[in-house]
Amino acid sequence: MPMAYTLQQLTDLRAAIAEGVLVVATNGRRVEYRSLAEMLQLERIMAGELEETGTNQRIRRTYFSVSRCT
């Protein structure tokens, strides 16, 4: 039976991947991974399960550029 992941767990895992660390702490629980490959595999699993349950909210980012006219 698949484990029920939370959006917070996925967010924390993605943050750790982005920072290049192998330790993730969520709600007082600490998990240490063996490799980035292991983390990326779990990230895909979590995202897929959350998408199936409809709880995976897409994070929208907006980037803008400012130029100075002279």
N, C-alpha and C. Protein backbone atom coordinates (compact mmCIF):
# COMPACT_ATOMS: atom_id res chain seq x y z
N MET A 1 0.85 -1.18 0.00
CA MET A 1 0.00 0.00 0.00
C MET A 1 0.90 1.25 0.00
N PRO A 2 0.64 2.20 -0.92
CA PRO A 2 1.49 3.39 -0.99
C PRO A 2 1.31 4.28 0.24
N MET A 3 2.39 4.95 0.57
CA MET A 3 2.38 5.87 1.70
C MET A 3 1.67 7.15 1.29
N ALA A 4 0.93 7.74 2.20
CA ALA A 4 0.24 9.00 1.93
C ALA A 4 1.20 10.15 2.21
N TYR A 5 1.63 10.81 1.16
CA TYR A 5 2.54 11.94 1.29
C TYR A 5 1.75 13.23 1.39
N THR A 6 2.38 14.23 1.99
CA THR A 6 1.74 15.54 2.10
C THR A 6 2.44 16.53 1.17
N LEU A 7 1.75 17.60 0.85
CA LEU A 7 2.33 18.65 0.02
C LEU A 7 3.52 19.28 0.74
N GLN A 8 3.46 19.36 2.06
CA GLN A 8 4.58 19.93 2.82
C GLN A 8 5.83 19.06 2.69
N GLN A 9 5.65 17.74 2.73
CA GLN A 9 6.79 16.83 2.57
C GLN A 9 7.43 17.01 1.19
N LEU A 10 6.60 17.14 0.17
CA LEU A 10 7.11 17.33 -1.19
C LEU A 10 7.84 18.66 -1.30
N THR A 11 7.27 19.70 -0.72
CA THR A 11 7.89 21.02 -0.74
C THR A 11 9.24 21.00 -0.03
N ASP A 12 9.31 20.36 1.11
CA ASP A 12 10.56 20.27 1.87
C ASP A 12 11.61 19.46 1.12
N LEU A 13 11.19 18.38 0.47
CA LEU A 13 12.12 17.57 -0.30
C LEU A 13 12.67 18.37 -1.48
N ARG A 14 11.81 19.08 -2.17
CA ARG A 14 12.25 19.91 -3.30
C ARG A 14 13.21 21.01 -2.85
N ALA A 15 12.97 21.58 -1.69
CA ALA A 15 13.87 22.61 -1.16
C ALA A 15 15.24 22.02 -0.86
N ALA A 16 15.28 20.82 -0.28
CA ALA A 16 16.55 20.17 0.02
C ALA A 16 17.30 19.84 -1.27
N ILE A 17 16.59 19.38 -2.28
CA ILE A 17 17.22 19.09 -3.57
C ILE A 17 17.83 20.36 -4.14
N ALA A 18 17.09 21.45 -4.09
CA ALA A 18 17.57 22.72 -4.62
C ALA A 18 18.79 23.23 -3.86
N GLU A 19 18.85 22.97 -2.57
CA GLU A 19 19.97 23.42 -1.74
C GLU A 19 21.15 22.46 -1.80
N GLY A 20 20.94 21.28 -2.34
CA GLY A 20 22.02 20.30 -2.44
C GLY A 20 22.34 19.59 -1.14
N VAL A 21 21.35 19.44 -0.28
CA VAL A 21 21.57 18.74 0.99
C VAL A 21 20.84 17.40 0.96
N LEU A 22 21.33 16.45 1.75
CA LEU A 22 20.75 15.11 1.77
C LEU A 22 19.86 14.86 2.98
N VAL A 23 19.63 15.89 3.79
CA VAL A 23 18.81 15.74 5.00
C VAL A 23 17.58 16.62 4.87
N VAL A 24 16.42 16.02 5.16
CA VAL A 24 15.15 16.75 5.10
C VAL A 24 14.46 16.61 6.44
N ALA A 25 14.01 17.73 6.99
CA ALA A 25 13.26 17.71 8.25
C ALA A 25 11.87 18.27 7.99
N THR A 26 10.85 17.49 8.35
CA THR A 26 9.46 17.91 8.19
C THR A 26 8.71 17.53 9.46
N ASN A 27 8.07 18.50 10.08
CA ASN A 27 7.26 18.26 11.28
C ASN A 27 8.02 17.48 12.35
N GLY A 28 9.27 17.86 12.58
CA GLY A 28 10.05 17.23 13.63
C GLY A 28 10.65 15.88 13.25
N ARG A 29 10.40 15.42 12.03
CA ARG A 29 10.93 14.14 11.57
C ARG A 29 12.09 14.42 10.62
N ARG A 30 13.22 13.76 10.86
CA ARG A 30 14.43 13.98 10.06
C ARG A 30 14.71 12.74 9.24
N VAL A 31 14.93 12.95 7.93
CA VAL A 31 15.25 11.85 7.03
C VAL A 31 16.54 12.19 6.30
N GLU A 32 17.47 11.24 6.30
CA GLU A 32 18.73 11.44 5.58
C GLU A 32 18.76 10.48 4.40
N TYR A 33 18.98 11.02 3.22
CA TYR A 33 19.00 10.23 1.99
C TYR A 33 20.44 9.87 1.63
N ARG A 34 20.60 8.81 0.83
CA ARG A 34 21.92 8.34 0.45
C ARG A 34 22.49 9.11 -0.74
N SER A 35 21.57 9.62 -1.60
CA SER A 35 22.06 10.28 -2.81
C SER A 35 20.99 11.21 -3.38
N LEU A 36 21.44 12.08 -4.26
CA LEU A 36 20.52 12.95 -4.98
C LEU A 36 19.59 12.11 -5.85
N ALA A 37 20.10 11.06 -6.44
CA ALA A 37 19.28 10.19 -7.29
C ALA A 37 18.11 9.60 -6.49
N GLU A 38 18.36 9.19 -5.27
CA GLU A 38 17.30 8.65 -4.41
C GLU A 38 16.25 9.73 -4.12
N MET A 39 16.70 10.95 -3.87
CA MET A 39 15.78 12.05 -3.58
C MET A 39 14.92 12.37 -4.81
N LEU A 40 15.55 12.39 -5.98
CA LEU A 40 14.80 12.70 -7.20
C LEU A 40 13.77 11.62 -7.51
N GLN A 41 14.12 10.36 -7.25
CA GLN A 41 13.17 9.27 -7.47
C GLN A 41 11.97 9.43 -6.53
N LEU A 42 12.23 9.72 -5.27
CA LEU A 42 11.14 9.90 -4.31
C LEU A 42 10.31 11.14 -4.66
N GLU A 43 10.95 12.18 -5.16
CA GLU A 43 10.22 13.39 -5.55
C GLU A 43 9.21 13.06 -6.65
N ARG A 44 9.61 12.25 -7.62
CA ARG A 44 8.69 11.84 -8.69
C ARG A 44 7.53 11.02 -8.14
N ILE A 45 7.84 10.12 -7.21
CA ILE A 45 6.79 9.29 -6.61
C ILE A 45 5.81 10.16 -5.84
N MET A 46 6.33 11.05 -4.99
CA MET A 46 5.46 11.93 -4.20
C MET A 46 4.58 12.78 -5.10
N ALA A 47 5.19 13.41 -6.10
CA ALA A 47 4.44 14.29 -7.00
C ALA A 47 3.35 13.51 -7.71
N GLY A 48 3.66 12.30 -8.15
CA GLY A 48 2.67 11.47 -8.83
C GLY A 48 1.52 11.09 -7.94
N GLU A 49 1.81 10.68 -6.72
CA GLU A 49 0.74 10.31 -5.78
C GLU A 49 -0.12 11.50 -5.40
N LEU A 50 0.51 12.65 -5.17
CA LEU A 50 -0.26 13.83 -4.81
C LEU A 50 -1.11 14.29 -5.99
N GLU A 51 -0.60 14.14 -7.19
CA GLU A 51 -1.37 14.51 -8.38
C GLU A 51 -2.59 13.61 -8.52
N GLU A 52 -2.43 12.31 -8.25
CA GLU A 52 -3.53 11.36 -8.33
C GLU A 52 -4.64 11.70 -7.34
N THR A 53 -4.25 12.18 -6.16
CA THR A 53 -5.25 12.49 -5.14
C THR A 53 -5.78 13.91 -5.27
N GLY A 54 -5.20 14.67 -6.19
CA GLY A 54 -5.67 16.04 -6.41
C GLY A 54 -5.18 17.04 -5.39
N THR A 55 -4.15 16.67 -4.62
CA THR A 55 -3.66 17.59 -3.60
C THR A 55 -2.37 18.28 -4.01
N ASN A 56 -1.87 17.96 -5.20
CA ASN A 56 -0.63 18.58 -5.66
C ASN A 56 -0.97 19.90 -6.32
N GLN A 57 -0.69 20.97 -5.64
CA GLN A 57 -0.96 22.30 -6.17
C GLN A 57 0.26 22.79 -6.93
N ARG A 58 0.04 23.25 -8.11
CA ARG A 58 1.13 23.77 -8.91
C ARG A 58 1.59 25.10 -8.32
N ILE A 59 2.87 25.24 -8.17
CA ILE A 59 3.42 26.48 -7.66
C ILE A 59 3.66 27.40 -8.85
N ARG A 60 3.09 28.57 -8.80
CA ARG A 60 3.25 29.53 -9.89
C ARG A 60 4.31 30.54 -9.51
N ARG A 61 5.26 30.72 -10.40
CA ARG A 61 6.30 31.71 -10.18
C ARG A 61 6.22 32.73 -11.29
N THR A 62 6.42 33.96 -10.94
CA THR A 62 6.44 35.04 -11.92
C THR A 62 7.79 35.71 -11.86
N TYR A 63 8.41 35.83 -13.00
CA TYR A 63 9.70 36.49 -13.12
C TYR A 63 9.52 37.77 -13.93
N PHE A 64 10.18 38.81 -13.53
CA PHE A 64 10.07 40.03 -14.29
C PHE A 64 11.44 40.68 -14.44
N SER A 65 11.50 41.55 -15.40
CA SER A 65 12.75 42.23 -15.68
C SER A 65 12.49 43.73 -15.68
N VAL A 66 13.41 44.49 -15.16
CA VAL A 66 13.27 45.92 -15.13
C VAL A 66 14.45 46.51 -15.89
N SER A 67 14.13 47.40 -16.81
CA SER A 67 15.21 48.08 -17.51
C SER A 67 15.02 49.58 -17.34
N ARG A 68 16.10 50.25 -17.34
CA ARG A 68 16.06 51.70 -17.13
C ARG A 68 16.25 52.40 -18.47
N CYS A 69 15.28 53.21 -18.81
CA CYS A 69 15.36 53.98 -20.06
C CYS A 69 16.09 55.28 -19.78
N THR A 70 17.01 55.64 -20.64
CA THR A 70 17.75 56.88 -20.44
C THR A 70 17.46 57.88 -21.51
